[in-house]
Amino acid sequence: LPIDHDAAQRIAKSARGTPRIAKKLLRRIRDFVQVNRLEKADDQLTKQALSFLGIDEDGLSTIDNLILKKIIEHTHGSPLGLETLASLIGEDKQTIETVYEPFLLQQGYLEKTPRGRQIGYKKLPFLKRKYFGQEILL
């Protein structure tokens, strides 16, 4: 699959540093190229494909965004217990710990505390603007 440099960078950013995920995304983008009868994957097509797959500009999946949004909605970014978080998003706590948390912790979106999971203080204003369009929740 011929691919632009910017498109490859976007895929790499969205792959969470995991080759298996990068390969999966590349196959889905190849499918988009074939369906649209294009010669190669450019950045615009890659952006559309990732959006269709539920991956946003920041490389966060739908579940990642749901986790972060629920923490902000229910606690304004302060700690929330893992079991409570799991019940809020309808996901098993084991899955949250093994699949979603490592990337969110690595990127600074999430922090583990003795009281639960909370949003990283540097990311909180950015996420409030992203989800609610404001700096402060009323």
C-alpha atoms as a PDB file:
ATOM      1  CA  LEU A   1       0.000   0.000   0.000  1.00  0.00           C
ATOM      2  CA  PRO A   2       1.572   3.297  -1.030  1.00  0.00           C
ATOM      3  CA  ILE A   3       1.128   5.731   1.839  1.00  0.00           C
ATOM      4  CA  ASP A   4       2.032   9.365   2.533  1.00  0.00           C
ATOM      5  CA  HIS A   5       4.470  10.182   5.308  1.00  0.00           C
ATOM      6  CA  ASP A   6       1.821  12.197   7.199  1.00  0.00           C
ATOM      7  CA  ALA A   7      -0.652   9.317   6.948  1.00  0.00           C
ATOM      8  CA  ALA A   8       1.926   6.875   8.304  1.00  0.00           C
ATOM      9  CA  GLN A   9       2.654   9.255  11.194  1.00  0.00           C
ATOM     10  CA  ARG A  10      -1.062   9.487  12.000  1.00  0.00           C
ATOM     11  CA  ILE A  11      -1.358   5.678  12.049  1.00  0.00           C
ATOM     12  CA  ALA A  12       1.706   5.382  14.291  1.00  0.00           C
ATOM     13  CA  LYS A  13       0.308   7.951  16.724  1.00  0.00           C
ATOM     14  CA  SER A  14      -2.988   6.062  16.890  1.00  0.00           C
ATOM     15  CA  ALA A  15      -1.396   2.636  17.359  1.00  0.00           C
ATOM     16  CA  ARG A  16      -0.545   3.120  21.061  1.00  0.00           C
ATOM     17  CA  GLY A  17       3.026   1.994  20.454  1.00  0.00           C
ATOM     18  CA  THR A  18       1.804  -1.521  19.659  1.00  0.00           C
ATOM     19  CA  PRO A  19       2.810  -3.098  16.321  1.00  0.00           C
ATOM     20  CA  ARG A  20      -0.259  -5.371  16.311  1.00  0.00           C
ATOM     21  CA  ILE A  21      -2.574  -2.353  16.503  1.00  0.00           C
ATOM     22  CA  ALA A  22      -0.573  -0.476  13.846  1.00  0.00           C
ATOM     23  CA  LYS A  23      -0.921  -3.449  11.510  1.00  0.00           C
ATOM     24  CA  LYS A  24      -4.668  -3.680  12.172  1.00  0.00           C
ATOM     25  CA  LEU A  25      -5.133   0.036  11.469  1.00  0.00           C
ATOM     26  CA  LEU A  26      -3.054  -0.187   8.314  1.00  0.00           C
ATOM     27  CA  ARG A  27      -5.239  -3.033   7.032  1.00  0.00           C
ATOM     28  CA  ARG A  28      -8.408  -1.020   7.708  1.00  0.00           C
ATOM     29  CA  ILE A  29      -6.953   1.998   5.922  1.00  0.00           C
ATOM     30  CA  ARG A  30      -5.948  -0.232   3.008  1.00  0.00           C
ATOM     31  CA  ASP A  31      -9.597  -1.319   2.856  1.00  0.00           C
ATOM     32  CA  PHE A  32     -10.676   2.333   2.701  1.00  0.00           C
ATOM     33  CA  VAL A  33      -8.215   2.966  -0.153  1.00  0.00           C
ATOM     34  CA  GLN A  34      -9.556  -0.020  -2.092  1.00  0.00           C
ATOM     35  CA  VAL A  35     -13.229   0.827  -1.514  1.00  0.00           C
ATOM     36  CA  ASN A  36     -12.638   4.409  -2.665  1.00  0.00           C
ATOM     37  CA  ARG A  37     -10.546   3.167  -5.638  1.00  0.00           C
ATOM     38  CA  LEU A  38      -7.589   5.367  -4.804  1.00  0.00           C
ATOM     39  CA  GLU A  39      -3.927   4.907  -5.634  1.00  0.00           C
ATOM     40  CA  LYS A  40      -2.521   5.506  -2.155  1.00  0.00           C
ATOM     41  CA  ALA A  41      -3.410   6.440   1.406  1.00  0.00           C
ATOM     42  CA  ASP A  42      -3.069  10.147   2.050  1.00  0.00           C
ATOM     43  CA  ASP A  43      -3.468  12.009   5.316  1.00  0.00           C
ATOM     44  CA  GLN A  44      -7.056  13.100   4.625  1.00  0.00           C
ATOM     45  CA  LEU A  45      -8.241   9.552   3.875  1.00  0.00           C
ATOM     46  CA  THR A  46      -6.381   8.230   6.911  1.00  0.00           C
ATOM     47  CA  LYS A  47      -8.059  10.841   9.115  1.00  0.00           C
ATOM     48  CA  GLN A  48     -11.482   9.834   7.745  1.00  0.00           C
ATOM     49  CA  ALA A  49     -10.778   6.123   8.200  1.00  0.00           C
ATOM     50  CA  LEU A  50      -9.594   6.577  11.789  1.00  0.00           C
ATOM     51  CA  SER A  51     -12.633   8.703  12.556  1.00  0.00           C
ATOM     52  CA  PHE A  52     -14.860   5.959  11.125  1.00  0.00           C
ATOM     53  CA  LEU A  53     -13.046   3.452  13.349  1.00  0.00           C
ATOM     54  CA  GLY A  54     -13.714   5.626  16.420  1.00  0.00           C
ATOM     55  CA  ILE A  55     -10.200   7.008  16.870  1.00  0.00           C
ATOM     56  CA  ASP A  56      -9.964  10.765  17.375  1.00  0.00           C
ATOM     57  CA  GLU A  57      -7.246  13.312  16.531  1.00  0.00           C
ATOM     58  CA  ASP A  58      -5.411  12.542  19.771  1.00  0.00           C
ATOM     59  CA  GLY A  59      -5.256   8.802  19.082  1.00  0.00           C
ATOM     60  CA  LEU A  60      -7.906   8.027  21.700  1.00  0.00           C
ATOM     61  CA  SER A  61     -10.515   5.348  21.047  1.00  0.00           C
ATOM     62  CA  THR A  62     -14.203   5.673  21.830  1.00  0.00           C
ATOM     63  CA  ILE A  63     -13.756   3.773  25.109  1.00  0.00           C
ATOM     64  CA  ASP A  64     -10.734   5.910  26.084  1.00  0.00           C
ATOM     65  CA  ASN A  65     -12.831   9.026  25.608  1.00  0.00           C
ATOM     66  CA  LEU A  66     -15.733   7.464  27.504  1.00  0.00           C
ATOM     67  CA  ILE A  67     -13.495   6.618  30.480  1.00  0.00           C
ATOM     68  CA  LEU A  68     -12.064  10.122  30.641  1.00  0.00           C
ATOM     69  CA  LYS A  69     -15.412  11.821  30.132  1.00  0.00           C
ATOM     70  CA  LYS A  70     -17.118   9.772  32.872  1.00  0.00           C
ATOM     71  CA  ILE A  71     -14.364  10.620  35.368  1.00  0.00           C
ATOM     72  CA  ILE A  72     -14.772  14.322  34.613  1.00  0.00           C
ATOM     73  CA  GLU A  73     -18.587  14.201  34.656  1.00  0.00           C
ATOM     74  CA  HIS A  74     -18.858  12.336  37.945  1.00  0.00           C
ATOM     75  CA  THR A  75     -15.922  13.691  39.937  1.00  0.00           C
ATOM     76  CA  HIS A  76     -14.688  16.775  38.018  1.00  0.00           C
ATOM     77  CA  GLY A  77     -11.355  14.976  37.513  1.00  0.00           C
ATOM     78  CA  SER A  78     -10.722  13.838  41.078  1.00  0.00           C
ATOM     79  CA  PRO A  79     -10.355  10.130  41.963  1.00  0.00           C
ATOM     80  CA  LEU A  80     -12.990   7.580  40.973  1.00  0.00           C
ATOM     81  CA  GLY A  81     -12.837   3.927  42.045  1.00  0.00           C
ATOM     82  CA  LEU A  82     -12.112   1.300  39.403  1.00  0.00           C
ATOM     83  CA  GLU A  83     -15.289  -0.670  40.123  1.00  0.00           C
ATOM     84  CA  THR A  84     -17.409   2.472  39.893  1.00  0.00           C
ATOM     85  CA  LEU A  85     -15.713   3.430  36.636  1.00  0.00           C
ATOM     86  CA  ALA A  86     -16.261  -0.058  35.235  1.00  0.00           C
ATOM     87  CA  SER A  87     -19.958   0.050  36.061  1.00  0.00           C
ATOM     88  CA  LEU A  88     -20.333   3.555  34.580  1.00  0.00           C
ATOM     89  CA  ILE A  89     -18.948   2.547  31.198  1.00  0.00           C
ATOM     90  CA  GLY A  90     -20.245  -1.034  31.182  1.00  0.00           C
ATOM     91  CA  GLU A  91     -16.815  -2.614  30.884  1.00  0.00           C
ATOM     92  CA  ASP A  92     -15.077  -5.245  32.998  1.00  0.00           C
ATOM     93  CA  LYS A  93     -12.545  -3.770  35.438  1.00  0.00           C
ATOM     94  CA  GLN A  94      -9.947  -6.304  34.281  1.00  0.00           C
ATOM     95  CA  THR A  95     -10.322  -5.049  30.703  1.00  0.00           C
ATOM     96  CA  ILE A  96      -9.946  -1.442  31.812  1.00  0.00           C
ATOM     97  CA  GLU A  97      -6.729  -2.279  33.690  1.00  0.00           C
ATOM     98  CA  THR A  98      -5.130  -4.334  30.927  1.00  0.00           C
ATOM     99  CA  VAL A  99      -6.379  -2.750  27.703  1.00  0.00           C
ATOM    100  CA  TYR A 100      -7.172   0.927  28.261  1.00  0.00           C
ATOM    101  CA  GLU A 101      -5.256   2.088  31.334  1.00  0.00           C
ATOM    102  CA  PRO A 102      -1.668   1.490  30.160  1.00  0.00           C
ATOM    103  CA  PHE A 103      -1.974   3.897  27.209  1.00  0.00           C
ATOM    104  CA  LEU A 104      -3.901   6.505  29.191  1.00  0.00           C
ATOM    105  CA  LEU A 105      -1.326   6.349  31.999  1.00  0.00           C
ATOM    106  CA  GLN A 106       1.577   6.569  29.558  1.00  0.00           C
ATOM    107  CA  GLN A 107       0.101   9.623  27.824  1.00  0.00           C
ATOM    108  CA  GLY A 108      -0.646  11.402  31.116  1.00  0.00           C
ATOM    109  CA  TYR A 109      -4.420  11.348  30.743  1.00  0.00           C
ATOM    110  CA  LEU A 110      -4.954   9.106  33.738  1.00  0.00           C
ATOM    111  CA  GLU A 111      -3.297   8.702  37.128  1.00  0.00           C
ATOM    112  CA  LYS A 112      -3.657   5.877  39.638  1.00  0.00           C
ATOM    113  CA  THR A 113      -4.053   6.951  43.248  1.00  0.00           C
ATOM    114  CA  PRO A 114      -4.941   5.007  46.403  1.00  0.00           C
ATOM    115  CA  ARG A 115      -8.459   6.502  46.131  1.00  0.00           C
ATOM    116  CA  GLY A 116      -8.953   5.506  42.486  1.00  0.00           C
ATOM    117  CA  ARG A 117      -8.306   6.765  38.979  1.00  0.00           C
ATOM    118  CA  GLN A 118      -8.141  10.466  38.239  1.00  0.00           C
ATOM    119  CA  ILE A 119      -7.373  12.744  35.321  1.00  0.00           C
ATOM    120  CA  GLY A 120      -3.799  14.041  35.128  1.00  0.00           C
ATOM    121  CA  TYR A 121      -3.758  17.675  36.252  1.00  0.00           C
ATOM    122  CA  LYS A 122      -1.976  18.810  33.074  1.00  0.00           C
ATOM    123  CA  LYS A 123      -4.593  17.185  30.841  1.00  0.00           C
ATOM    124  CA  LEU A 124      -7.706  18.226  32.779  1.00  0.00           C
ATOM    125  CA  PRO A 125      -8.185  21.703  31.200  1.00  0.00           C
ATOM    126  CA  PHE A 126      -7.627  20.254  27.713  1.00  0.00           C
ATOM    127  CA  LEU A 127     -10.161  17.470  28.286  1.00  0.00           C
ATOM    128  CA  LYS A 128     -12.764  19.823  29.753  1.00  0.00           C
ATOM    129  CA  ARG A 129     -12.498  21.980  26.637  1.00  0.00           C
ATOM    130  CA  LYS A 130     -12.623  18.914  24.401  1.00  0.00           C
ATOM    131  CA  TYR A 131     -15.684  17.322  25.995  1.00  0.00           C
ATOM    132  CA  PHE A 132     -17.602  20.292  27.334  1.00  0.00           C
ATOM    133  CA  GLY A 133     -16.175  23.343  25.578  1.00  0.00           C
ATOM    134  CA  GLN A 134     -15.184  25.076  28.809  1.00  0.00           C
ATOM    135  CA  GLU A 135     -12.384  25.380  31.325  1.00  0.00           C
ATOM    136  CA  ILE A 136     -14.520  24.909  34.442  1.00  0.00           C
ATOM    137  CA  LEU A 137     -17.461  22.603  34.972  1.00  0.00           C
ATOM    138  CA  LEU A 138     -20.419  24.341  36.562  1.00  0.00           C
END
